[in-house]
Amino acid sequence: MFIPHKSRKSSAVVVVDIGSESIGAAIVDFSQALKKPRMVYSHREPIKHSKNEDPKLRLRSMREALLASTLELSNTGVKVLSSYERSLSIDRVFVVCGVPWSKTIVRFTHFKDEKPFAATKEYTARVMAESEKKATDADKE
């Protein structure tokens, strides 16, 4: 967790959240007089993408969303901060990155056998490999 400078009585930070579907940017007041940090302004920009998008296009879309978020923050966000508390200035920026450049697919595999079976490591690996092949073949269609 961020702890503001002890020598400063007031402090504002920018937090940027890079997720798989959007980019968020917020200005947070960390003034010592507050019992807990207060969000002054936030904005979230969706990352535009299509189902079977090329990774280079995905990265470009993420960069475009990041640029749009920072422009919004520097225009509207700074004005909101100024009207909230004129003496506050942003002294740090924190960036949190998810994994927007990876493709994550969650699949549930259900299987049953007519005869009793032992769920050994080898048996489970074989069933999972068969399930993965079926899913991969279905994605190609």
Protein backbone atom coordinates (compact mmCIF):
# COMPACT_ATOMS: atom_id res chain seq x y z
CA MET A 1 0.00 0.00 0.00
CA PHE A 2 1.18 3.50 -0.74
CA ILE A 3 2.05 5.65 2.24
CA PRO A 4 2.36 9.36 1.38
CA HIS A 5 5.34 11.45 2.40
CA LYS A 6 5.15 12.06 6.13
CA SER A 7 6.55 15.53 5.60
CA ARG A 8 3.58 16.48 3.39
CA LYS A 9 0.21 17.16 4.94
CA SER A 10 -1.57 16.77 1.63
CA SER A 11 -0.82 14.48 -1.25
CA ALA A 12 -2.64 13.30 -4.37
CA VAL A 13 -1.70 10.33 -6.51
CA VAL A 14 -2.80 8.90 -9.83
CA VAL A 15 -3.62 5.21 -10.00
CA VAL A 16 -3.79 3.59 -13.45
CA ASP A 17 -5.34 0.13 -13.80
CA ILE A 18 -4.52 -1.70 -17.03
CA GLY A 19 -6.94 -4.60 -17.28
CA SER A 20 -7.87 -7.06 -19.98
CA GLU A 21 -11.02 -5.19 -21.03
CA SER A 22 -10.39 -1.57 -20.02
CA ILE A 23 -7.97 1.03 -18.69
CA GLY A 24 -8.92 2.89 -15.55
CA ALA A 25 -7.34 6.06 -14.20
CA ALA A 26 -8.11 7.75 -10.89
CA ILE A 27 -6.90 10.65 -8.78
CA VAL A 28 -6.81 9.80 -5.08
CA ASP A 29 -6.45 12.22 -2.15
CA PHE A 30 -4.02 10.86 0.47
CA SER A 31 -4.10 13.91 2.74
CA GLN A 32 -3.10 13.18 6.34
CA ALA A 33 -6.29 14.82 7.65
CA LEU A 34 -8.37 12.05 6.04
CA LYS A 35 -8.95 8.80 7.91
CA LYS A 36 -8.72 6.91 4.63
CA PRO A 37 -7.85 7.83 1.02
CA ARG A 38 -10.61 9.51 -0.99
CA MET A 39 -11.13 9.04 -4.71
CA VAL A 40 -11.47 12.49 -6.24
CA TYR A 41 -11.91 11.50 -9.88
CA SER A 42 -11.99 8.30 -11.93
CA HIS A 43 -12.40 7.37 -15.56
CA ARG A 44 -12.47 4.02 -17.33
CA GLU A 45 -11.86 3.56 -21.04
CA PRO A 46 -12.84 0.27 -22.75
CA ILE A 47 -10.25 -1.54 -24.87
CA LYS A 48 -11.82 -2.14 -28.26
CA HIS A 49 -11.19 -5.59 -29.69
CA SER A 50 -12.72 -8.32 -31.76
CA LYS A 51 -13.03 -12.06 -31.15
CA ASN A 52 -10.04 -13.33 -33.16
CA GLU A 53 -7.86 -10.26 -32.99
CA ASP A 54 -4.20 -10.21 -33.93
CA PRO A 55 -1.99 -9.63 -30.83
CA LYS A 56 -0.42 -6.54 -32.46
CA LEU A 57 -3.86 -5.00 -33.00
CA ARG A 58 -4.77 -5.87 -29.40
CA LEU A 59 -1.67 -4.04 -28.13
CA ARG A 60 -2.52 -1.06 -30.32
CA SER A 61 -6.07 -0.99 -28.94
CA MET A 62 -4.67 -1.10 -25.40
CA ARG A 63 -2.33 1.82 -26.15
CA GLU A 64 -5.20 3.83 -27.64
CA ALA A 65 -7.30 3.24 -24.52
CA LEU A 66 -4.35 4.22 -22.31
CA LEU A 67 -3.86 7.44 -24.28
CA ALA A 68 -7.59 8.25 -24.10
CA SER A 69 -7.59 7.62 -20.33
CA THR A 70 -4.57 9.82 -19.68
CA LEU A 71 -5.96 12.61 -21.88
CA GLU A 72 -9.25 12.49 -19.98
CA LEU A 73 -7.34 12.51 -16.69
CA SER A 74 -5.17 15.47 -17.71
CA ASN A 75 -8.17 17.46 -18.94
CA THR A 76 -11.20 16.71 -16.78
CA GLY A 77 -9.43 15.01 -13.87
CA VAL A 78 -7.06 17.87 -13.16
CA LYS A 79 -9.95 20.36 -13.28
CA VAL A 80 -11.93 18.24 -10.81
CA LEU A 81 -8.88 18.01 -8.53
CA SER A 82 -8.44 21.78 -8.65
CA SER A 83 -12.07 22.44 -7.75
CA TYR A 84 -11.91 19.76 -5.02
CA GLU A 85 -8.80 21.21 -3.32
CA ARG A 86 -6.66 23.84 -4.99
CA SER A 87 -3.61 23.13 -2.84
CA LEU A 88 -3.40 19.46 -3.88
CA SER A 89 -1.00 18.45 -6.59
CA ILE A 90 -0.21 15.02 -7.98
CA ASP A 91 3.15 13.81 -6.76
CA ARG A 92 3.11 10.12 -7.71
CA VAL A 93 1.68 7.79 -10.33
CA PHE A 94 1.03 4.11 -9.70
CA VAL A 95 0.31 1.66 -12.51
CA VAL A 96 -1.29 -1.72 -11.92
CA CYS A 97 -1.11 -4.14 -14.83
CA GLY A 98 -3.33 -7.12 -15.38
CA VAL A 99 -2.51 -9.25 -18.36
CA PRO A 100 -4.33 -7.62 -21.27
CA TRP A 101 -1.98 -9.12 -23.85
CA SER A 102 -2.78 -12.72 -22.96
CA LYS A 103 -5.82 -14.70 -23.91
CA THR A 104 -7.48 -16.50 -21.04
CA ILE A 105 -10.26 -18.98 -21.64
CA VAL A 106 -11.96 -20.79 -18.80
CA ARG A 107 -13.43 -24.16 -19.63
CA PHE A 108 -15.16 -26.72 -17.46
CA THR A 109 -14.76 -30.34 -18.39
CA HIS A 110 -17.29 -32.90 -17.23
CA PHE A 111 -16.70 -36.56 -17.85
CA LYS A 112 -18.08 -39.87 -16.72
CA ASP A 113 -17.31 -43.47 -17.48
CA GLU A 114 -19.72 -46.39 -17.59
CA LYS A 115 -17.29 -48.48 -15.52
CA PRO A 116 -15.68 -47.49 -12.24
CA PHE A 117 -12.33 -45.79 -12.74
CA ALA A 118 -9.48 -44.39 -10.72
CA ALA A 119 -8.83 -40.70 -11.28
CA THR A 120 -5.09 -41.11 -11.62
CA LYS A 121 -2.77 -38.41 -12.86
CA GLU A 122 -2.42 -40.21 -16.21
CA TYR A 123 -6.20 -40.71 -16.61
CA THR A 124 -6.92 -37.06 -15.80
CA ALA A 125 -4.16 -35.87 -18.19
CA ARG A 126 -5.62 -38.00 -21.01
CA VAL A 127 -9.20 -36.75 -20.42
CA MET A 128 -8.00 -33.12 -20.23
CA ALA A 129 -5.97 -33.50 -23.44
CA GLU A 130 -9.03 -34.90 -25.24
CA SER A 131 -11.15 -32.04 -23.90
CA GLU A 132 -8.56 -29.45 -24.98
CA LYS A 133 -8.40 -30.94 -28.48
CA LYS A 134 -12.21 -30.76 -28.79
CA ALA A 135 -12.22 -27.14 -27.58
CA THR A 136 -9.37 -26.15 -29.92
CA ASP A 137 -11.13 -27.80 -32.87
CA ALA A 138 -14.36 -25.97 -31.96
CA ASP A 139 -12.48 -22.61 -31.79
CA LYS A 140 -11.14 -23.15 -35.32
CA GLU A 141 -14.65 -23.57 -36.75
